[in-house]
N, C-alpha and C. Protein backbone atom coordinates (compact mmCIF):
# COMPACT_ATOMS: atom_id res chain seq x y z
N MET A 1 -3.84 6.98 18.63
CA MET A 1 -3.55 6.29 17.39
C MET A 1 -2.26 6.83 16.80
N PRO A 2 -1.19 6.02 16.73
CA PRO A 2 0.07 6.48 16.14
C PRO A 2 -0.09 6.75 14.64
N ILE A 3 0.55 7.81 14.18
CA ILE A 3 0.53 8.18 12.76
C ILE A 3 1.97 8.12 12.27
N TYR A 4 2.21 7.26 11.27
CA TYR A 4 3.53 7.10 10.70
C TYR A 4 3.54 7.66 9.29
N GLY A 5 4.60 8.35 8.95
CA GLY A 5 4.78 8.84 7.59
C GLY A 5 5.78 7.99 6.86
N TYR A 6 5.68 7.98 5.54
CA TYR A 6 6.67 7.28 4.72
C TYR A 6 7.02 8.16 3.54
N ALA A 7 8.31 8.42 3.37
CA ALA A 7 8.80 9.24 2.27
C ALA A 7 9.85 8.43 1.52
N ARG A 8 9.85 8.58 0.19
CA ARG A 8 10.81 7.84 -0.63
C ARG A 8 11.11 8.60 -1.91
N THR A 9 12.36 8.55 -2.32
CA THR A 9 12.75 8.95 -3.66
C THR A 9 13.54 7.80 -4.25
N SER A 10 13.62 7.76 -5.57
CA SER A 10 14.27 6.64 -6.24
C SER A 10 15.78 6.70 -6.20
N THR A 11 16.33 7.92 -6.23
CA THR A 11 17.78 8.04 -6.29
C THR A 11 18.29 9.00 -5.22
N THR A 12 19.58 8.90 -4.97
CA THR A 12 20.18 9.71 -3.92
C THR A 12 20.36 11.17 -4.33
N ASP A 13 20.18 11.50 -5.62
CA ASP A 13 20.32 12.89 -6.02
C ASP A 13 19.00 13.66 -5.94
N GLN A 14 17.99 13.06 -5.33
CA GLN A 14 16.69 13.71 -5.18
C GLN A 14 16.46 14.15 -3.73
N ASN A 15 17.49 14.72 -3.12
CA ASN A 15 17.41 15.10 -1.71
C ASN A 15 16.33 16.14 -1.44
N ALA A 16 16.18 17.11 -2.34
CA ALA A 16 15.17 18.16 -2.14
C ALA A 16 13.77 17.56 -2.10
N GLY A 17 13.50 16.60 -2.99
CA GLY A 17 12.19 15.95 -3.01
C GLY A 17 11.93 15.16 -1.75
N LEU A 18 12.96 14.49 -1.25
CA LEU A 18 12.82 13.71 -0.02
C LEU A 18 12.58 14.64 1.17
N ASP A 19 13.37 15.71 1.24
CA ASP A 19 13.20 16.67 2.33
C ASP A 19 11.81 17.29 2.33
N ASP A 20 11.29 17.59 1.14
CA ASP A 20 9.95 18.18 1.01
C ASP A 20 8.88 17.21 1.53
N GLN A 21 9.01 15.94 1.17
CA GLN A 21 8.04 14.94 1.65
C GLN A 21 8.09 14.83 3.18
N ILE A 22 9.28 14.75 3.73
CA ILE A 22 9.43 14.61 5.18
C ILE A 22 8.81 15.81 5.90
N LYS A 23 9.08 17.00 5.40
CA LYS A 23 8.52 18.21 6.00
C LYS A 23 7.00 18.18 5.95
N ARG A 24 6.46 17.80 4.81
CA ARG A 24 5.00 17.75 4.65
C ARG A 24 4.37 16.72 5.59
N LEU A 25 5.02 15.58 5.75
CA LEU A 25 4.50 14.53 6.63
C LEU A 25 4.50 14.99 8.09
N HIS A 26 5.55 15.69 8.49
CA HIS A 26 5.58 16.23 9.86
C HIS A 26 4.47 17.27 10.05
N THR A 27 4.24 18.09 9.02
CA THR A 27 3.17 19.09 9.08
C THR A 27 1.81 18.43 9.23
N GLU A 28 1.65 17.23 8.65
CA GLU A 28 0.38 16.49 8.73
C GLU A 28 0.22 15.77 10.06
N GLY A 29 1.19 15.90 10.95
CA GLY A 29 1.05 15.34 12.29
C GLY A 29 1.63 13.95 12.49
N CYS A 30 2.53 13.51 11.61
CA CYS A 30 3.12 12.18 11.77
C CYS A 30 4.02 12.15 13.00
N ASP A 31 3.84 11.11 13.81
CA ASP A 31 4.65 10.92 15.00
C ASP A 31 6.08 10.48 14.64
N LYS A 32 6.18 9.67 13.60
CA LYS A 32 7.48 9.19 13.14
C LYS A 32 7.42 9.09 11.62
N VAL A 33 8.51 9.46 10.95
CA VAL A 33 8.57 9.37 9.49
C VAL A 33 9.69 8.40 9.11
N TYR A 34 9.31 7.36 8.39
CA TYR A 34 10.28 6.44 7.81
C TYR A 34 10.63 7.00 6.43
N PHE A 35 11.92 6.97 6.07
CA PHE A 35 12.28 7.49 4.75
C PHE A 35 13.47 6.73 4.20
N GLU A 36 13.55 6.73 2.87
CA GLU A 36 14.66 6.05 2.21
C GLU A 36 14.75 6.49 0.76
N GLN A 37 15.87 6.17 0.15
CA GLN A 37 16.09 6.44 -1.26
C GLN A 37 16.33 5.09 -1.92
N ALA A 38 15.27 4.57 -2.54
CA ALA A 38 15.31 3.25 -3.15
C ALA A 38 14.29 3.20 -4.27
N SER A 39 14.54 2.35 -5.24
CA SER A 39 13.64 2.20 -6.38
C SER A 39 12.31 1.59 -5.94
N ALA A 40 11.24 2.06 -6.55
CA ALA A 40 9.91 1.52 -6.22
C ALA A 40 9.77 0.09 -6.71
N THR A 41 10.48 -0.27 -7.75
CA THR A 41 10.33 -1.61 -8.32
C THR A 41 11.08 -2.67 -7.54
N ASP A 42 12.09 -2.28 -6.80
CA ASP A 42 12.88 -3.26 -6.03
C ASP A 42 12.43 -3.24 -4.58
N LEU A 43 11.37 -4.02 -4.30
CA LEU A 43 10.81 -4.02 -2.95
C LEU A 43 11.80 -4.52 -1.90
N GLY A 44 12.73 -5.37 -2.30
CA GLY A 44 13.73 -5.88 -1.36
C GLY A 44 14.67 -4.79 -0.87
N ALA A 45 14.88 -3.76 -1.67
CA ALA A 45 15.77 -2.67 -1.28
C ALA A 45 15.08 -1.66 -0.37
N ARG A 46 13.78 -1.76 -0.27
CA ARG A 46 13.01 -0.79 0.52
C ARG A 46 12.89 -1.29 1.96
N LYS A 47 13.99 -1.23 2.67
CA LYS A 47 14.06 -1.76 4.03
C LYS A 47 13.20 -0.97 5.02
N GLU A 48 13.15 0.35 4.88
CA GLU A 48 12.34 1.16 5.79
C GLU A 48 10.85 0.90 5.58
N TRP A 49 10.44 0.71 4.33
CA TRP A 49 9.04 0.40 4.03
C TRP A 49 8.67 -0.93 4.67
N THR A 50 9.54 -1.92 4.51
CA THR A 50 9.31 -3.24 5.10
C THR A 50 9.23 -3.15 6.61
N LYS A 51 10.14 -2.38 7.21
CA LYS A 51 10.16 -2.20 8.66
C LYS A 51 8.85 -1.55 9.13
N LEU A 52 8.39 -0.54 8.38
CA LEU A 52 7.15 0.14 8.74
C LEU A 52 5.97 -0.82 8.68
N LEU A 53 5.85 -1.57 7.59
CA LEU A 53 4.72 -2.51 7.45
C LEU A 53 4.72 -3.56 8.56
N GLN A 54 5.90 -4.05 8.92
CA GLN A 54 5.99 -5.08 9.94
C GLN A 54 5.65 -4.56 11.33
N SER A 55 5.85 -3.26 11.54
CA SER A 55 5.61 -2.70 12.87
C SER A 55 4.15 -2.28 13.09
N LEU A 56 3.33 -2.28 12.05
CA LEU A 56 1.96 -1.78 12.17
C LEU A 56 1.10 -2.63 13.10
N GLN A 57 0.28 -1.93 13.88
CA GLN A 57 -0.65 -2.58 14.79
C GLN A 57 -2.03 -1.96 14.60
N THR A 58 -3.01 -2.55 15.25
CA THR A 58 -4.38 -2.06 15.17
C THR A 58 -4.45 -0.59 15.56
N GLY A 59 -5.10 0.20 14.71
CA GLY A 59 -5.29 1.62 14.99
C GLY A 59 -4.21 2.52 14.40
N ASP A 60 -3.11 1.95 13.93
CA ASP A 60 -2.05 2.77 13.34
C ASP A 60 -2.49 3.33 11.99
N MET A 61 -1.91 4.46 11.62
CA MET A 61 -2.17 5.05 10.31
C MET A 61 -0.84 5.36 9.65
N VAL A 62 -0.79 5.12 8.33
CA VAL A 62 0.37 5.45 7.52
C VAL A 62 -0.03 6.59 6.59
N VAL A 63 0.79 7.61 6.52
CA VAL A 63 0.52 8.75 5.64
C VAL A 63 1.64 8.83 4.60
N ILE A 64 1.24 8.97 3.33
CA ILE A 64 2.20 9.19 2.24
C ILE A 64 1.73 10.41 1.44
N THR A 65 2.66 11.06 0.78
CA THR A 65 2.28 12.25 0.02
C THR A 65 1.62 11.90 -1.29
N LYS A 66 2.16 10.89 -1.98
CA LYS A 66 1.62 10.47 -3.27
C LYS A 66 1.65 8.95 -3.34
N ILE A 67 0.78 8.39 -4.16
CA ILE A 67 0.66 6.94 -4.25
C ILE A 67 1.97 6.28 -4.70
N ASP A 68 2.72 6.94 -5.59
CA ASP A 68 3.94 6.31 -6.11
C ASP A 68 5.09 6.29 -5.10
N ARG A 69 4.91 6.91 -3.94
CA ARG A 69 5.94 6.81 -2.90
C ARG A 69 5.90 5.42 -2.27
N ALA A 70 4.73 4.79 -2.23
CA ALA A 70 4.60 3.48 -1.59
C ALA A 70 4.37 2.36 -2.60
N ALA A 71 3.69 2.66 -3.69
CA ALA A 71 3.26 1.61 -4.62
C ALA A 71 3.69 1.89 -6.05
N ARG A 72 3.81 0.81 -6.82
CA ARG A 72 4.15 0.94 -8.23
C ARG A 72 2.94 1.31 -9.08
N SER A 73 1.74 1.03 -8.55
CA SER A 73 0.51 1.29 -9.29
C SER A 73 -0.65 1.35 -8.30
N ILE A 74 -1.79 1.75 -8.78
CA ILE A 74 -2.97 1.78 -7.90
C ILE A 74 -3.34 0.37 -7.49
N ALA A 75 -3.21 -0.59 -8.42
CA ALA A 75 -3.51 -1.99 -8.07
C ALA A 75 -2.58 -2.46 -6.95
N HIS A 76 -1.31 -2.08 -7.01
CA HIS A 76 -0.36 -2.43 -5.95
C HIS A 76 -0.76 -1.75 -4.64
N MET A 77 -1.26 -0.51 -4.76
CA MET A 77 -1.70 0.22 -3.57
C MET A 77 -2.87 -0.50 -2.91
N VAL A 78 -3.76 -1.06 -3.70
CA VAL A 78 -4.89 -1.80 -3.14
C VAL A 78 -4.38 -3.02 -2.37
N ASP A 79 -3.37 -3.70 -2.91
CA ASP A 79 -2.78 -4.84 -2.20
C ASP A 79 -2.18 -4.39 -0.86
N ILE A 80 -1.47 -3.26 -0.89
CA ILE A 80 -0.89 -2.72 0.33
C ILE A 80 -1.99 -2.40 1.34
N THR A 81 -3.06 -1.79 0.85
CA THR A 81 -4.18 -1.43 1.72
C THR A 81 -4.81 -2.66 2.36
N LYS A 82 -4.92 -3.74 1.58
CA LYS A 82 -5.47 -5.00 2.13
C LYS A 82 -4.58 -5.52 3.26
N THR A 83 -3.27 -5.47 3.04
CA THR A 83 -2.32 -5.92 4.07
C THR A 83 -2.48 -5.09 5.33
N MET A 84 -2.62 -3.77 5.15
CA MET A 84 -2.79 -2.89 6.31
C MET A 84 -4.10 -3.15 7.02
N LYS A 85 -5.14 -3.39 6.24
CA LYS A 85 -6.46 -3.65 6.83
C LYS A 85 -6.42 -4.92 7.69
N GLU A 86 -5.70 -5.95 7.21
CA GLU A 86 -5.56 -7.19 7.99
C GLU A 86 -4.88 -6.93 9.33
N LYS A 87 -4.01 -5.92 9.37
CA LYS A 87 -3.32 -5.56 10.62
C LYS A 87 -4.12 -4.57 11.45
N GLY A 88 -5.24 -4.09 10.90
CA GLY A 88 -6.06 -3.11 11.60
C GLY A 88 -5.56 -1.68 11.42
N ALA A 89 -4.69 -1.46 10.43
CA ALA A 89 -4.13 -0.14 10.17
C ALA A 89 -4.82 0.48 8.94
N SER A 90 -4.57 1.77 8.74
CA SER A 90 -5.18 2.48 7.61
C SER A 90 -4.12 3.34 6.93
N ILE A 91 -4.50 3.93 5.80
CA ILE A 91 -3.57 4.76 5.04
C ILE A 91 -4.23 6.03 4.56
N ARG A 92 -3.46 7.11 4.54
CA ARG A 92 -3.89 8.39 3.96
C ARG A 92 -2.94 8.73 2.84
N ILE A 93 -3.50 9.10 1.68
CA ILE A 93 -2.70 9.54 0.54
C ILE A 93 -3.04 11.01 0.34
N LEU A 94 -2.11 11.88 0.68
CA LEU A 94 -2.39 13.31 0.74
C LEU A 94 -2.80 13.90 -0.61
N ASP A 95 -2.04 13.61 -1.67
CA ASP A 95 -2.34 14.23 -2.97
C ASP A 95 -3.64 13.75 -3.60
N MET A 96 -4.15 12.61 -3.17
CA MET A 96 -5.42 12.11 -3.71
C MET A 96 -6.56 12.34 -2.73
N ASN A 97 -6.23 12.88 -1.56
CA ASN A 97 -7.23 13.12 -0.52
C ASN A 97 -8.02 11.85 -0.18
N ILE A 98 -7.27 10.76 -0.02
CA ILE A 98 -7.87 9.47 0.31
C ILE A 98 -7.47 9.09 1.72
N ASP A 99 -8.46 8.64 2.48
CA ASP A 99 -8.25 8.20 3.86
C ASP A 99 -9.08 6.94 4.05
N THR A 100 -8.39 5.79 4.21
CA THR A 100 -9.12 4.52 4.28
C THR A 100 -9.78 4.26 5.63
N THR A 101 -9.73 5.24 6.53
CA THR A 101 -10.50 5.09 7.76
C THR A 101 -11.97 5.43 7.51
N THR A 102 -12.24 5.99 6.34
CA THR A 102 -13.62 6.34 5.99
C THR A 102 -14.12 5.43 4.87
N PRO A 103 -15.42 5.12 4.85
CA PRO A 103 -15.95 4.32 3.76
C PRO A 103 -15.74 4.99 2.40
N THR A 104 -15.84 6.32 2.35
CA THR A 104 -15.65 7.03 1.08
C THR A 104 -14.22 6.89 0.58
N GLY A 105 -13.25 6.98 1.48
CA GLY A 105 -11.85 6.83 1.10
C GLY A 105 -11.57 5.44 0.54
N THR A 106 -12.12 4.42 1.19
CA THR A 106 -11.94 3.05 0.71
C THR A 106 -12.60 2.87 -0.65
N LEU A 107 -13.80 3.42 -0.81
CA LEU A 107 -14.51 3.34 -2.09
C LEU A 107 -13.70 4.01 -3.19
N MET A 108 -13.18 5.21 -2.93
CA MET A 108 -12.40 5.93 -3.94
C MET A 108 -11.17 5.15 -4.36
N LEU A 109 -10.48 4.55 -3.41
CA LEU A 109 -9.30 3.77 -3.74
C LEU A 109 -9.68 2.57 -4.61
N ASN A 110 -10.80 1.92 -4.28
CA ASN A 110 -11.25 0.78 -5.07
C ASN A 110 -11.68 1.21 -6.48
N ILE A 111 -12.30 2.38 -6.60
CA ILE A 111 -12.68 2.88 -7.93
C ILE A 111 -11.43 3.16 -8.76
N PHE A 112 -10.45 3.85 -8.15
CA PHE A 112 -9.21 4.12 -8.87
C PHE A 112 -8.53 2.83 -9.30
N SER A 113 -8.57 1.83 -8.45
CA SER A 113 -7.97 0.54 -8.77
C SER A 113 -8.67 -0.11 -9.96
N SER A 114 -9.99 -0.06 -9.97
CA SER A 114 -10.75 -0.65 -11.07
C SER A 114 -10.45 0.05 -12.38
N VAL A 115 -10.37 1.37 -12.35
CA VAL A 115 -10.05 2.13 -13.57
C VAL A 115 -8.64 1.79 -14.04
N ALA A 116 -7.69 1.71 -13.13
CA ALA A 116 -6.31 1.38 -13.49
C ALA A 116 -6.23 -0.01 -14.10
N GLN A 117 -6.95 -0.98 -13.53
CA GLN A 117 -6.93 -2.33 -14.08
C GLN A 117 -7.57 -2.36 -15.46
N PHE A 118 -8.66 -1.61 -15.65
CA PHE A 118 -9.32 -1.52 -16.96
C PHE A 118 -8.37 -0.94 -18.00
N GLU A 119 -7.68 0.15 -17.65
CA GLU A 119 -6.73 0.77 -18.58
C GLU A 119 -5.61 -0.20 -18.93
N LYS A 120 -5.11 -0.95 -17.94
CA LYS A 120 -4.05 -1.92 -18.20
C LYS A 120 -4.54 -3.02 -19.14
N ASP A 121 -5.74 -3.52 -18.89
CA ASP A 121 -6.31 -4.57 -19.75
C ASP A 121 -6.49 -4.07 -21.19
N MET A 122 -6.97 -2.83 -21.34
CA MET A 122 -7.17 -2.26 -22.68
C MET A 122 -5.83 -2.09 -23.40
N MET A 123 -4.80 -1.64 -22.68
CA MET A 123 -3.48 -1.47 -23.27
C MET A 123 -2.92 -2.82 -23.73
N LEU A 124 -3.08 -3.85 -22.90
CA LEU A 124 -2.59 -5.17 -23.26
C LEU A 124 -3.34 -5.73 -24.47
N GLU A 125 -4.64 -5.46 -24.55
CA GLU A 125 -5.42 -5.90 -25.71
C GLU A 125 -4.93 -5.21 -26.99
N ARG A 126 -4.72 -3.90 -26.92
CA ARG A 126 -4.21 -3.17 -28.09
C ARG A 126 -2.83 -3.68 -28.48
N GLN A 127 -2.01 -4.01 -27.49
CA GLN A 127 -0.68 -4.53 -27.75
C GLN A 127 -0.76 -5.89 -28.46
N ARG A 128 -1.66 -6.78 -27.97
CA ARG A 128 -1.82 -8.09 -28.61
C ARG A 128 -2.27 -7.95 -30.06
N VAL A 129 -3.21 -7.05 -30.31
CA VAL A 129 -3.71 -6.83 -31.67
C VAL A 129 -2.58 -6.31 -32.56
N GLY A 130 -1.79 -5.36 -32.05
CA GLY A 130 -0.68 -4.79 -32.83
C GLY A 130 0.39 -5.82 -33.15
N ILE A 131 0.72 -6.64 -32.19
CA ILE A 131 1.73 -7.68 -32.40
C ILE A 131 1.23 -8.70 -33.42
N ALA A 132 -0.02 -9.12 -33.30
CA ALA A 132 -0.59 -10.09 -34.24
C ALA A 132 -0.58 -9.51 -35.65
N ALA A 133 -0.94 -8.25 -35.81
CA ALA A 133 -0.95 -7.62 -37.13
C ALA A 133 0.46 -7.54 -37.71
N ALA A 134 1.44 -7.19 -36.88
CA ALA A 134 2.83 -7.10 -37.35
C ALA A 134 3.36 -8.46 -37.77
N LYS A 135 3.05 -9.48 -37.00
CA LYS A 135 3.48 -10.84 -37.34
C LYS A 135 2.83 -11.31 -38.62
N GLU A 136 1.54 -11.03 -38.77
CA GLU A 136 0.80 -11.44 -39.98
C GLU A 136 1.38 -10.76 -41.21
N ALA A 137 1.70 -9.49 -41.12
CA ALA A 137 2.27 -8.75 -42.25
C ALA A 137 3.65 -9.30 -42.61
N ASP A 138 4.40 -9.77 -41.64
CA ASP A 138 5.75 -10.28 -41.89
C ASP A 138 5.76 -11.70 -42.47
N LYS A 139 4.67 -12.44 -42.32
CA LYS A 139 4.65 -13.83 -42.79
C LYS A 139 4.92 -13.94 -44.29
N THR A 140 4.54 -12.94 -45.06
CA THR A 140 4.70 -13.00 -46.51
C THR A 140 6.11 -12.63 -46.95
N LYS A 141 6.93 -12.12 -46.06
CA LYS A 141 8.29 -11.68 -46.41
C LYS A 141 9.29 -12.80 -46.13
N PRO A 142 10.41 -12.78 -46.87
CA PRO A 142 11.48 -13.73 -46.54
C PRO A 142 12.00 -13.43 -45.12
N LEU A 143 12.51 -14.44 -44.47
CA LEU A 143 12.93 -14.33 -43.08
C LEU A 143 13.87 -13.14 -42.83
N ALA A 144 14.83 -12.91 -43.69
CA ALA A 144 15.81 -11.83 -43.50
C ALA A 144 15.18 -10.45 -43.61
N GLN A 145 14.03 -10.34 -44.27
CA GLN A 145 13.39 -9.04 -44.47
C GLN A 145 12.28 -8.73 -43.47
N ARG A 146 12.04 -9.65 -42.57
CA ARG A 146 10.96 -9.44 -41.61
C ARG A 146 11.32 -8.30 -40.66
N THR A 147 10.34 -7.47 -40.37
CA THR A 147 10.59 -6.30 -39.54
C THR A 147 10.18 -6.50 -38.09
N TYR A 148 9.25 -7.40 -37.83
CA TYR A 148 8.80 -7.57 -36.44
C TYR A 148 9.82 -8.39 -35.68
N LYS A 149 10.42 -7.77 -34.70
CA LYS A 149 11.43 -8.45 -33.89
C LYS A 149 11.03 -8.50 -32.43
N GLY A 150 9.96 -7.81 -32.05
CA GLY A 150 9.58 -7.74 -30.64
C GLY A 150 10.36 -6.63 -29.94
N ARG A 151 10.08 -6.47 -28.68
CA ARG A 151 10.74 -5.43 -27.88
C ARG A 151 12.15 -5.86 -27.53
N LYS A 152 13.09 -4.92 -27.66
CA LYS A 152 14.46 -5.22 -27.25
C LYS A 152 14.53 -5.27 -25.73
N PRO A 153 15.27 -6.23 -25.18
CA PRO A 153 15.43 -6.27 -23.73
C PRO A 153 16.11 -4.99 -23.24
N THR A 154 15.54 -4.36 -22.23
CA THR A 154 16.08 -3.08 -21.78
C THR A 154 17.33 -3.24 -20.92
N ALA A 155 17.35 -4.21 -20.06
CA ALA A 155 18.49 -4.36 -19.16
C ALA A 155 19.75 -4.77 -19.93
N LYS A 156 19.62 -5.66 -20.92
CA LYS A 156 20.77 -6.14 -21.66
C LYS A 156 21.49 -5.00 -22.39
N ASN A 157 20.76 -3.98 -22.77
CA ASN A 157 21.35 -2.84 -23.47
C ASN A 157 22.22 -1.99 -22.55
N LYS A 158 22.18 -2.26 -21.26
CA LYS A 158 22.89 -1.44 -20.29
C LYS A 158 24.14 -2.12 -19.74
N LEU A 159 24.59 -3.19 -20.39
CA LEU A 159 25.74 -3.96 -19.89
C LEU A 159 26.98 -3.08 -19.75
N ASP A 160 27.26 -2.24 -20.75
CA ASP A 160 28.44 -1.38 -20.67
C ASP A 160 28.34 -0.41 -19.49
N ASP A 161 27.14 0.16 -19.27
CA ASP A 161 26.94 1.06 -18.14
C ASP A 161 27.12 0.32 -16.82
N VAL A 162 26.62 -0.92 -16.76
CA VAL A 162 26.76 -1.72 -15.54
C VAL A 162 28.23 -1.93 -15.23
N ARG A 163 29.00 -2.32 -16.23
CA ARG A 163 30.43 -2.58 -16.02
C ARG A 163 31.16 -1.31 -15.57
N THR A 164 30.81 -0.19 -16.21
CA THR A 164 31.47 1.07 -15.86
C THR A 164 31.17 1.46 -14.41
N LEU A 165 29.91 1.37 -14.01
CA LEU A 165 29.53 1.75 -12.65
C LEU A 165 30.13 0.81 -11.61
N LEU A 166 30.17 -0.50 -11.92
CA LEU A 166 30.78 -1.45 -10.99
C LEU A 166 32.28 -1.17 -10.85
N ALA A 167 32.91 -0.83 -11.97
CA ALA A 167 34.35 -0.54 -11.94
C ALA A 167 34.64 0.73 -11.13
N SER A 168 33.65 1.63 -11.06
CA SER A 168 33.85 2.87 -10.29
C SER A 168 33.68 2.65 -8.79
N GLY A 169 33.32 1.41 -8.40
CA GLY A 169 33.22 1.09 -6.98
C GLY A 169 31.81 1.02 -6.43
N LYS A 170 30.81 1.22 -7.27
CA LYS A 170 29.42 1.15 -6.79
C LYS A 170 29.04 -0.31 -6.54
N THR A 171 28.13 -0.52 -5.59
CA THR A 171 27.62 -1.86 -5.32
C THR A 171 26.61 -2.22 -6.41
N LYS A 172 26.29 -3.50 -6.50
CA LYS A 172 25.30 -3.92 -7.49
C LYS A 172 23.95 -3.26 -7.24
N GLN A 173 23.58 -3.08 -5.98
CA GLN A 173 22.31 -2.41 -5.66
C GLN A 173 22.34 -0.95 -6.11
N GLU A 174 23.46 -0.26 -5.88
CA GLU A 174 23.58 1.13 -6.31
C GLU A 174 23.51 1.24 -7.83
N VAL A 175 24.15 0.30 -8.53
CA VAL A 175 24.10 0.29 -9.99
C VAL A 175 22.67 0.06 -10.47
N ALA A 176 21.98 -0.89 -9.84
CA ALA A 176 20.59 -1.18 -10.21
C ALA A 176 19.72 0.04 -10.02
N ASP A 177 19.88 0.72 -8.91
CA ASP A 177 19.08 1.92 -8.63
C ASP A 177 19.39 3.03 -9.64
N THR A 178 20.67 3.19 -9.95
CA THR A 178 21.08 4.24 -10.89
C THR A 178 20.50 3.99 -12.28
N LEU A 179 20.53 2.74 -12.73
CA LEU A 179 20.09 2.41 -14.09
C LEU A 179 18.62 1.99 -14.16
N ASN A 180 17.96 1.96 -13.02
CA ASN A 180 16.54 1.58 -12.95
C ASN A 180 16.30 0.18 -13.51
N ILE A 181 17.14 -0.75 -13.06
CA ILE A 181 16.97 -2.16 -13.41
C ILE A 181 17.09 -2.96 -12.12
N GLY A 182 16.72 -4.22 -12.18
CA GLY A 182 16.80 -5.06 -10.99
C GLY A 182 18.19 -5.62 -10.77
N VAL A 183 18.50 -5.91 -9.54
CA VAL A 183 19.81 -6.50 -9.20
C VAL A 183 19.95 -7.86 -9.88
N ALA A 184 18.85 -8.61 -9.95
CA ALA A 184 18.90 -9.92 -10.62
C ALA A 184 19.31 -9.78 -12.08
N SER A 185 18.87 -8.70 -12.74
CA SER A 185 19.27 -8.46 -14.13
C SER A 185 20.77 -8.26 -14.24
N ILE A 186 21.35 -7.59 -13.26
CA ILE A 186 22.80 -7.36 -13.28
C ILE A 186 23.54 -8.70 -13.18
N TYR A 187 23.10 -9.56 -12.26
CA TYR A 187 23.73 -10.87 -12.13
C TYR A 187 23.59 -11.68 -13.43
N ARG A 188 22.40 -11.64 -14.04
CA ARG A 188 22.18 -12.38 -15.29
C ARG A 188 23.08 -11.84 -16.41
N MET A 189 23.19 -10.53 -16.53
CA MET A 189 24.02 -9.94 -17.58
C MET A 189 25.47 -10.31 -17.40
N LEU A 190 25.97 -10.22 -16.16
CA LEU A 190 27.37 -10.51 -15.92
C LEU A 190 27.68 -11.99 -16.13
N LYS A 191 26.73 -12.85 -15.76
CA LYS A 191 26.92 -14.28 -15.96
C LYS A 191 26.94 -14.63 -17.44
N ALA A 192 26.03 -14.02 -18.22
CA ALA A 192 25.95 -14.29 -19.66
C ALA A 192 27.18 -13.75 -20.39
N ALA A 193 27.73 -12.65 -19.88
CA ALA A 193 28.88 -12.03 -20.54
C ALA A 193 30.15 -12.79 -20.19
């Protein structure tokens, strides 16, 4: 049964973290380690991860050090696990001591996923209640004095940084990774400007 490792850091200045992951994966017996420096949110930039998933066959195992190396959340990890299961492959997450080749490992991953989804639902409910209360309080004020404006767009606030980094010769993907925004946001900002 081939064992593949996957290591990732978000930026190119995290070389020590990437090297540590690779070393740990080799220590765990990985036959081959795929690695890259790419944002977790931009799945299109994660070419090694895509290559690894596409190459999986029945009986293969993927080992990662932590869940956030492969997934944005536990719910995303469950989706990844389903994809691997369809291919007949499994996953081990070292820091959580989860191994989906065992019924207990699969159960633990599903429990973590359920808890994560519950926490997300509760957060969204609290957010809806807070927004409704803020809007209700503002209804009695004149329009110019209203305080509830909603969340400021995060990417739009980085237009100056985007221009500076592009002018320094970085590619749009490098700028997106550096500023932790999507490449599509960069195109939208530049088009609007």
